[in-house]
């Protein structure tokens, strides 16, 4: 469901509770453009968990393929500085 930013300004976040009874997410439209997504905290936690699981799986695949390097914290910081 898409709601207007002005509705959020005038009605406040209290309007979210009622809307979440029928939808899983709210998109906030600002000046004609969809700009933000509001999720119930439990839905957010579910999505975040899936995101972290996927990152873990990708990391394990990189390790299996040897796509990593071992370096000290100091070496890593120097590498980051050189990239800037």
PDB file of N, CA and C in Angstrom:
ATOM      1  N   UNK A   1       0.836  -1.167   0.000  1.00  0.00           N
ATOM      2  CA  UNK A   1       0.000   0.000   0.000  1.00  0.00           C
ATOM      3  C   UNK A   1       0.889   1.242   0.000  1.00  0.00           C
ATOM      4  N   UNK A   2       0.538   2.202  -0.794  1.00  0.00           N
ATOM      5  CA  UNK A   2       1.297   3.451  -0.876  1.00  0.00           C
ATOM      6  C   UNK A   2       0.534   4.539  -0.125  1.00  0.00           C
ATOM      7  N   UNK A   3       1.248   5.231   0.751  1.00  0.00           N
ATOM      8  CA  UNK A   3       0.653   6.357   1.468  1.00  0.00           C
ATOM      9  C   UNK A   3       1.485   7.598   1.204  1.00  0.00           C
ATOM     10  N   UNK A   4       0.877   8.729   1.338  1.00  0.00           N
ATOM     11  CA  UNK A   4       1.531   9.999   1.071  1.00  0.00           C
ATOM     12  C   UNK A   4       2.253  10.490   2.326  1.00  0.00           C
ATOM     13  N   UNK A   5       3.416  11.088   2.151  1.00  0.00           N
ATOM     14  CA  UNK A   5       4.190  11.612   3.276  1.00  0.00           C
ATOM     15  C   UNK A   5       3.385  12.627   4.084  1.00  0.00           C
ATOM     16  N   UNK A   6       2.543  13.396   3.422  1.00  0.00           N
ATOM     17  CA  UNK A   6       1.725  14.375   4.133  1.00  0.00           C
ATOM     18  C   UNK A   6       0.754  13.700   5.097  1.00  0.00           C
ATOM     19  N   UNK A   7       0.247  12.511   4.722  1.00  0.00           N
ATOM     20  CA  UNK A   7      -0.636  11.769   5.631  1.00  0.00           C
ATOM     21  C   UNK A   7       0.118  11.367   6.893  1.00  0.00           C
ATOM     22  N   UNK A   8       1.370  10.967   6.722  1.00  0.00           N
ATOM     23  CA  UNK A   8       2.184  10.591   7.878  1.00  0.00           C
ATOM     24  C   UNK A   8       2.420  11.814   8.761  1.00  0.00           C
ATOM     25  N   UNK A   9       2.668  12.952   8.129  1.00  0.00           N
ATOM     26  CA  UNK A   9       2.897  14.185   8.895  1.00  0.00           C
ATOM     27  C   UNK A   9       1.667  14.587   9.690  1.00  0.00           C
ATOM     28  N   UNK A  10       0.505  14.498   9.072  1.00  0.00           N
ATOM     29  CA  UNK A  10      -0.705  14.978   9.740  1.00  0.00           C
ATOM     30  C   UNK A  10      -1.301  13.961  10.701  1.00  0.00           C
ATOM     31  N   UNK A  11      -1.230  12.674  10.352  1.00  0.00           N
ATOM     32  CA  UNK A  11      -1.862  11.649  11.182  1.00  0.00           C
ATOM     33  C   UNK A  11      -0.876  10.955  12.117  1.00  0.00           C
ATOM     34  N   UNK A  12       0.399  11.071  11.820  1.00  0.00           N
ATOM     35  CA  UNK A  12       1.419  10.445  12.658  1.00  0.00           C
ATOM     36  C   UNK A  12       1.514   8.938  12.449  1.00  0.00           C
ATOM     37  N   UNK A  13       2.445   8.347  13.172  1.00  0.00           N
ATOM     38  CA  UNK A  13       2.702   6.911  13.011  1.00  0.00           C
ATOM     39  C   UNK A  13       1.577   6.048  13.577  1.00  0.00           C
ATOM     40  N   UNK A  14       0.667   6.646  14.315  1.00  0.00           N
ATOM     41  CA  UNK A  14      -0.452   5.876  14.858  1.00  0.00           C
ATOM     42  C   UNK A  14      -1.285   5.251  13.738  1.00  0.00           C
ATOM     43  N   UNK A  15      -1.259   5.851  12.559  1.00  0.00           N
ATOM     44  CA  UNK A  15      -2.023   5.309  11.438  1.00  0.00           C
ATOM     45  C   UNK A  15      -1.453   3.981  10.945  1.00  0.00           C
ATOM     46  N   UNK A  16      -0.177   3.707  11.239  1.00  0.00           N
ATOM     47  CA  UNK A  16       0.461   2.478  10.766  1.00  0.00           C
ATOM     48  C   UNK A  16      -0.198   1.233  11.346  1.00  0.00           C
ATOM     49  N   UNK A  17      -0.503   1.258  12.628  1.00  0.00           N
ATOM     50  CA  UNK A  17      -1.078   0.079  13.285  1.00  0.00           C
ATOM     51  C   UNK A  17      -2.331  -0.396  12.578  1.00  0.00           C
ATOM     52  N   UNK A  18      -3.209   0.533  12.272  1.00  0.00           N
ATOM     53  CA  UNK A  18      -4.456   0.160  11.598  1.00  0.00           C
ATOM     54  C   UNK A  18      -4.182  -0.379  10.201  1.00  0.00           C
ATOM     55  N   UNK A  19      -3.275   0.251   9.472  1.00  0.00           N
ATOM     56  CA  UNK A  19      -2.973  -0.189   8.118  1.00  0.00           C
ATOM     57  C   UNK A  19      -2.313  -1.563   8.098  1.00  0.00           C
ATOM     58  N   UNK A  20      -1.474  -1.846   9.112  1.00  0.00           N
ATOM     59  CA  UNK A  20      -0.792  -3.143   9.162  1.00  0.00           C
ATOM     60  C   UNK A  20      -1.738  -4.300   9.458  1.00  0.00           C
ATOM     61  N   UNK A  21      -2.978  -4.010   9.800  1.00  0.00           N
ATOM     62  CA  UNK A  21      -3.960  -5.075   9.969  1.00  0.00           C
ATOM     63  C   UNK A  21      -4.310  -5.719   8.633  1.00  0.00           C
ATOM     64  N   UNK A  22      -4.094  -4.980   7.532  1.00  0.00           N
ATOM     65  CA  UNK A  22      -4.481  -5.491   6.214  1.00  0.00           C
ATOM     66  C   UNK A  22      -3.325  -5.620   5.229  1.00  0.00           C
ATOM     67  N   UNK A  23      -2.179  -5.006   5.511  1.00  0.00           N
ATOM     68  CA  UNK A  23      -1.045  -5.071   4.579  1.00  0.00           C
ATOM     69  C   UNK A  23       0.236  -5.405   5.344  1.00  0.00           C
ATOM     70  N   UNK A  24       1.251  -5.905   4.611  1.00  0.00           N
ATOM     71  CA  UNK A  24       2.536  -6.269   5.219  1.00  0.00           C
ATOM     72  C   UNK A  24       3.556  -5.141   5.188  1.00  0.00           C
ATOM     73  N   UNK A  25       3.363  -4.217   4.266  1.00  0.00           N
ATOM     74  CA  UNK A  25       4.321  -3.116   4.145  1.00  0.00           C
ATOM     75  C   UNK A  25       3.619  -1.870   3.650  1.00  0.00           C
ATOM     76  N   UNK A  26       4.214  -0.742   3.970  1.00  0.00           N
ATOM     77  CA  UNK A  26       3.702   0.544   3.521  1.00  0.00           C
ATOM     78  C   UNK A  26       4.807   1.260   2.767  1.00  0.00           C
ATOM     79  N   UNK A  27       4.468   1.822   1.645  1.00  0.00           N
ATOM     80  CA  UNK A  27       5.414   2.618   0.878  1.00  0.00           C
ATOM     81  C   UNK A  27       5.021   4.076   1.065  1.00  0.00           C
ATOM     82  N   UNK A  28       5.980   4.887   1.460  1.00  0.00           N
ATOM     83  CA  UNK A  28       5.704   6.310   1.655  1.00  0.00           C
ATOM     84  C   UNK A  28       6.149   7.070   0.413  1.00  0.00           C
ATOM     85  N   UNK A  29       5.209   7.782  -0.142  1.00  0.00           N
ATOM     86  CA  UNK A  29       5.422   8.539  -1.356  1.00  0.00           C
ATOM     87  C   UNK A  29       5.710   9.989  -0.980  1.00  0.00           C
ATOM     88  N   UNK A  30       6.842  10.503  -1.473  1.00  0.00           N
ATOM     89  CA  UNK A  30       7.239  11.881  -1.190  1.00  0.00           C
ATOM     90  C   UNK A  30       7.332  12.631  -2.512  1.00  0.00           C
ATOM     91  N   UNK A  31       6.507  13.643  -2.638  1.00  0.00           N
ATOM     92  CA  UNK A  31       6.477  14.473  -3.856  1.00  0.00           C
ATOM     93  C   UNK A  31       6.363  13.639  -5.135  1.00  0.00           C
ATOM     94  N   UNK A  32       5.477  12.660  -5.092  1.00  0.00           N
ATOM     95  CA  UNK A  32       5.211  11.863  -6.284  1.00  0.00           C
ATOM     96  C   UNK A  32       6.154  10.708  -6.524  1.00  0.00           C
ATOM     97  N   UNK A  33       7.105  10.484  -5.625  1.00  0.00           N
ATOM     98  CA  UNK A  33       8.058   9.378  -5.794  1.00  0.00           C
ATOM     99  C   UNK A  33       8.031   8.469  -4.572  1.00  0.00           C
ATOM    100  N   UNK A  34       7.999   7.164  -4.828  1.00  0.00           N
ATOM    101  CA  UNK A  34       8.072   6.212  -3.722  1.00  0.00           C
ATOM    102  C   UNK A  34       9.467   6.287  -3.128  1.00  0.00           C
ATOM    103  N   UNK A  35       9.540   6.595  -1.825  1.00  0.00           N
ATOM    104  CA  UNK A  35      10.840   6.871  -1.232  1.00  0.00           C
ATOM    105  C   UNK A  35      11.195   5.965  -0.057  1.00  0.00           C
ATOM    106  N   UNK A  36      10.223   5.553   0.756  1.00  0.00           N
ATOM    107  CA  UNK A  36      10.511   4.761   1.948  1.00  0.00           C
ATOM    108  C   UNK A  36       9.566   3.573   2.034  1.00  0.00           C
ATOM    109  N   UNK A  37      10.020   2.537   2.730  1.00  0.00           N
ATOM    110  CA  UNK A  37       9.179   1.385   3.021  1.00  0.00           C
ATOM    111  C   UNK A  37       9.120   1.228   4.532  1.00  0.00           C
ATOM    112  N   UNK A  38       7.928   1.043   5.060  1.00  0.00           N
ATOM    113  CA  UNK A  38       7.732   0.818   6.487  1.00  0.00           C
ATOM    114  C   UNK A  38       7.243  -0.610   6.656  1.00  0.00           C
ATOM    115  N   UNK A  39       7.924  -1.346   7.534  1.00  0.00           N
ATOM    116  CA  UNK A  39       7.560  -2.739   7.800  1.00  0.00           C
ATOM    117  C   UNK A  39       7.265  -2.916   9.278  1.00  0.00           C
ATOM    118  N   UNK A  40       6.387  -3.845   9.579  1.00  0.00           N
ATOM    119  CA  UNK A  40       6.201  -4.272  10.954  1.00  0.00           C
ATOM    120  C   UNK A  40       7.535  -4.858  11.426  1.00  0.00           C
ATOM    121  N   UNK A  41       7.897  -4.661  12.687  1.00  0.00           N
ATOM    122  CA  UNK A  41       9.210  -5.073  13.185  1.00  0.00           C
ATOM    123  C   UNK A  41       9.437  -6.569  13.017  1.00  0.00           C
ATOM    124  N   UNK A  42       8.415  -7.383  13.164  1.00  0.00           N
ATOM    125  CA  UNK A  42       8.587  -8.836  12.999  1.00  0.00           C
ATOM    126  C   UNK A  42       8.912  -9.179  11.546  1.00  0.00           C
ATOM    127  N   UNK A  43       8.263  -8.504  10.624  1.00  0.00           N
ATOM    128  CA  UNK A  43       8.551  -8.722   9.190  1.00  0.00           C
ATOM    129  C   UNK A  43       9.977  -8.275   8.879  1.00  0.00           C
ATOM    130  N   UNK A  44      10.384  -7.152   9.445  1.00  0.00           N
ATOM    131  CA  UNK A  44      11.746  -6.667   9.258  1.00  0.00           C
ATOM    132  C   UNK A  44      12.758  -7.689   9.769  1.00  0.00           C
ATOM    133  N   UNK A  45      12.504  -8.241  10.950  1.00  0.00           N
ATOM    134  CA  UNK A  45      13.422  -9.235  11.525  1.00  0.00           C
ATOM    135  C   UNK A  45      13.534 -10.457  10.622  1.00  0.00           C
ATOM    136  N   UNK A  46      12.401 -10.897  10.054  1.00  0.00           N
ATOM    137  CA  UNK A  46      12.416 -12.042   9.138  1.00  0.00           C
ATOM    138  C   UNK A  46      13.278 -11.741   7.911  1.00  0.00           C
ATOM    139  N   UNK A  47      13.071 -10.577   7.318  1.00  0.00           N
ATOM    140  CA  UNK A  47      13.835 -10.207   6.120  1.00  0.00           C
ATOM    141  C   UNK A  47      15.316 -10.052   6.440  1.00  0.00           C
ATOM    142  N   UNK A  48      15.617  -9.487   7.578  1.00  0.00           N
ATOM    143  CA  UNK A  48      17.018  -9.304   7.986  1.00  0.00           C
ATOM    144  C   UNK A  48      17.694 -10.654   8.205  1.00  0.00           C
ATOM    145  N   UNK A  49      16.968 -11.592   8.804  1.00  0.00           N
ATOM    146  CA  UNK A  49      17.511 -12.932   9.029  1.00  0.00           C
ATOM    147  C   UNK A  49      17.837 -13.617   7.704  1.00  0.00           C
ATOM    148  N   UNK A  50      16.933 -13.497   6.748  1.00  0.00           N
ATOM    149  CA  UNK A  50      17.166 -14.086   5.426  1.00  0.00           C
ATOM    150  C   UNK A  50      18.377 -13.428   4.763  1.00  0.00           C
ATOM    151  N   UNK A  51      18.481 -12.122   4.890  1.00  0.00           N
ATOM    152  CA  UNK A  51      19.608 -11.388   4.318  1.00  0.00           C
ATOM    153  C   UNK A  51      20.935 -11.862   4.926  1.00  0.00           C
ATOM    154  N   UNK A  52      20.964 -12.035   6.234  1.00  0.00           N
ATOM    155  CA  UNK A  52      22.183 -12.493   6.906  1.00  0.00           C
ATOM    156  C   UNK A  52      22.515 -13.939   6.535  1.00  0.00           C
ATOM    157  N   UNK A  53      21.490 -14.785   6.414  1.00  0.00           N
ATOM    158  CA  UNK A  53      21.708 -16.168   5.991  1.00  0.00           C
ATOM    159  C   UNK A  53      22.325 -16.210   4.594  1.00  0.00           C
ATOM    160  N   UNK A  54      21.816 -15.393   3.709  1.00  0.00           N
ATOM    161  CA  UNK A  54      22.344 -15.344   2.340  1.00  0.00           C
ATOM    162  C   UNK A  54      23.795 -14.869   2.334  1.00  0.00           C
ATOM    163  N   UNK A  55      24.108 -13.854   3.139  1.00  0.00           N
ATOM    164  CA  UNK A  55      25.489 -13.368   3.225  1.00  0.00           C
ATOM    165  C   UNK A  55      26.409 -14.466   3.744  1.00  0.00           C
ATOM    166  N   UNK A  56      25.939 -15.234   4.715  1.00  0.00           N
ATOM    167  CA  UNK A  56      26.734 -16.346   5.262  1.00  0.00           C
ATOM    168  C   UNK A  56      26.990 -17.402   4.187  1.00  0.00           C
ATOM    169  N   UNK A  57      25.947 -17.762   3.449  1.00  0.00           N
ATOM    170  CA  UNK A  57      26.083 -18.764   2.381  1.00  0.00           C
ATOM    171  C   UNK A  57      27.080 -18.286   1.328  1.00  0.00           C
ATOM    172  N   UNK A  58      26.987 -17.023   0.928  1.00  0.00           N
ATOM    173  CA  UNK A  58      27.921 -16.476  -0.066  1.00  0.00           C
ATOM    174  C   UNK A  58      29.353 -16.494   0.466  1.00  0.00           C
ATOM    175  N   UNK A  59      29.523 -16.162   1.746  1.00  0.00           N
ATOM    176  CA  UNK A  59      30.859 -16.180   2.348  1.00  0.00           C
ATOM    177  C   UNK A  59      31.439 -17.583   2.364  1.00  0.00           C
ATOM    178  N   UNK A  60      30.630 -18.558   2.713  1.00  0.00           N
ATOM    179  CA  UNK A  60      31.097 -19.945   2.745  1.00  0.00           C
ATOM    180  C   UNK A  60      31.487 -20.420   1.342  1.00  0.00           C
ATOM    181  N   UNK A  61      30.733 -20.010   0.338  1.00  0.00           N
ATOM    182  CA  UNK A  61      31.071 -20.370  -1.050  1.00  0.00           C
ATOM    183  C   UNK A  61      32.390 -19.733  -1.455  1.00  0.00           C
ATOM    184  N   UNK A  62      32.615 -18.481  -1.068  1.00  0.00           N
ATOM    185  CA  UNK A  62      33.885 -17.821  -1.363  1.00  0.00           C
ATOM    186  C   UNK A  62      35.042 -18.555  -0.693  1.00  0.00           C
ATOM    187  N   UNK A  63      34.850 -18.964   0.552  1.00  0.00           N
ATOM    188  CA  UNK A  63      35.906 -19.698   1.261  1.00  0.00           C
ATOM    189  C   UNK A  63      36.187 -21.026   0.566  1.00  0.00           C
ATOM    190  N   UNK A  64      35.142 -21.744   0.158  1.00  0.00           N
ATOM    191  CA  UNK A  64      35.314 -23.011  -0.554  1.00  0.00           C
ATOM    192  C   UNK A  64      36.103 -22.831  -1.854  1.00  0.00           C
ATOM    193  N   UNK A  65      35.867 -21.716  -2.537  1.00  0.00           N
ATOM    194  CA  UNK A  65      36.539 -21.442  -3.815  1.00  0.00           C
ATOM    195  C   UNK A  65      37.916 -20.812  -3.619  1.00  0.00           C
ATOM    196  N   UNK A  66      38.261 -20.457  -2.388  1.00  0.00           N
ATOM    197  CA  UNK A  66      39.540 -19.813  -2.126  1.00  0.00           C
ATOM    198  C   UNK A  66      39.539 -18.325  -2.424  1.00  0.00           C
ATOM    199  N   UNK A  67      38.367 -17.744  -2.533  1.00  0.00           N
ATOM    200  CA  UNK A  67      38.241 -16.313  -2.831  1.00  0.00           C
ATOM    201  C   UNK A  67      38.295 -15.492  -1.547  1.00  0.00           C
ATOM    202  N   UNK A  68      39.451 -15.472  -0.912  1.00  0.00           N
ATOM    203  CA  UNK A  68      39.643 -14.682   0.294  1.00  0.00           C
ATOM    204  C   UNK A  68      41.134 -14.442   0.475  1.00  0.00           C
ATOM    205  N   UNK A  69      41.469 -13.545   1.367  1.00  0.00           N
ATOM    206  CA  UNK A  69      42.870 -13.337   1.699  1.00  0.00           C
ATOM    207  C   UNK A  69      42.998 -13.164   3.196  1.00  0.00           C
ATOM    208  N   UNK A  70      44.157 -13.491   3.676  1.00  0.00           N
ATOM    209  CA  UNK A  70      44.418 -13.411   5.104  1.00  0.00           C
ATOM    210  C   UNK A  70      45.407 -12.272   5.337  1.00  0.00           C
ATOM    211  N   UNK A  71      45.040 -11.340   6.221  1.00  0.00           N
ATOM    212  CA  UNK A  71      45.922 -10.223   6.518  1.00  0.00           C
ATOM    213  C   UNK A  71      45.622  -9.712   7.920  1.00  0.00           C
ATOM    214  N   UNK A  72      46.579  -8.990   8.454  1.00  0.00           N
ATOM    215  CA  UNK A  72      46.396  -8.413   9.786  1.00  0.00           C
ATOM    216  C   UNK A  72      45.461  -7.212   9.688  1.00  0.00           C
ATOM    217  N   UNK A  73      44.980  -6.780  10.853  1.00  0.00           N
ATOM    218  CA  UNK A  73      44.121  -5.600  10.887  1.00  0.00           C
ATOM    219  C   UNK A  73      44.868  -4.384  10.344  1.00  0.00           C
ATOM    220  N   UNK A  74      46.136  -4.264  10.698  1.00  0.00           N
ATOM    221  CA  UNK A  74      46.946  -3.128  10.230  1.00  0.00           C
ATOM    222  C   UNK A  74      47.065  -3.159   8.706  1.00  0.00           C
ATOM    223  N   UNK A  75      47.317  -4.345   8.139  1.00  0.00           N
ATOM    224  CA  UNK A  75      47.416  -4.461   6.682  1.00  0.00           C
ATOM    225  C   UNK A  75      46.088  -4.110   6.020  1.00  0.00           C
ATOM    226  N   UNK A  76      45.018  -4.552   6.624  1.00  0.00           N
ATOM    227  CA  UNK A  76      43.696  -4.278   6.068  1.00  0.00           C
ATOM    228  C   UNK A  76      43.396  -2.776   6.072  1.00  0.00           C
ATOM    229  N   UNK A  77      43.712  -2.112   7.170  1.00  0.00           N
ATOM    230  CA  UNK A  77      43.496  -0.663   7.266  1.00  0.00           C
ATOM    231  C   UNK A  77      44.328   0.075   6.224  1.00  0.00           C
ATOM    232  N   UNK A  78      45.572  -0.333   6.059  1.00  0.00           N
ATOM    233  CA  UNK A  78      46.429   0.292   5.042  1.00  0.00           C
ATOM    234  C   UNK A  78      45.849   0.093   3.648  1.00  0.00           C
ATOM    235  N   UNK A  79      45.339  -1.097   3.380  1.00  0.00           N
ATOM    236  CA  UNK A  79      44.735  -1.373   2.079  1.00  0.00           C
ATOM    237  C   UNK A  79      43.520  -0.472   1.850  1.00  0.00           C
ATOM    238  N   UNK A  80      42.708  -0.304   2.870  1.00  0.00           N
ATOM    239  CA  UNK A  80      41.541   0.569   2.749  1.00  0.00           C
ATOM    240  C   UNK A  80      41.948   2.013   2.511  1.00  0.00           C
ATOM    241  N   UNK A  81      42.956   2.478   3.217  1.00  0.00           N
ATOM    242  CA  UNK A  81      43.449   3.842   3.016  1.00  0.00           C
ATOM    243  C   UNK A  81      43.944   4.056   1.603  1.00  0.00           C
ATOM    244  N   UNK A  82      44.665   3.062   1.062  1.00  0.00           N
ATOM    245  CA  UNK A  82      45.200   3.166  -0.291  1.00  0.00           C
ATOM    246  C   UNK A  82      44.097   3.188  -1.342  1.00  0.00           C
ATOM    247  N   UNK A  83      42.968   2.565  -1.038  1.00  0.00           N
ATOM    248  CA  UNK A  83      41.851   2.556  -1.994  1.00  0.00           C
ATOM    249  C   UNK A  83      41.139   3.903  -2.048  1.00  0.00           C
ATOM    250  N   UNK A  84      41.297   4.686  -0.986  1.00  0.00           N
ATOM    251  CA  UNK A  84      40.657   6.010  -0.977  1.00  0.00           C
ATOM    252  C   UNK A  84      41.519   6.945  -1.746  1.00  0.00           C
TER     253      UNK A  84
END
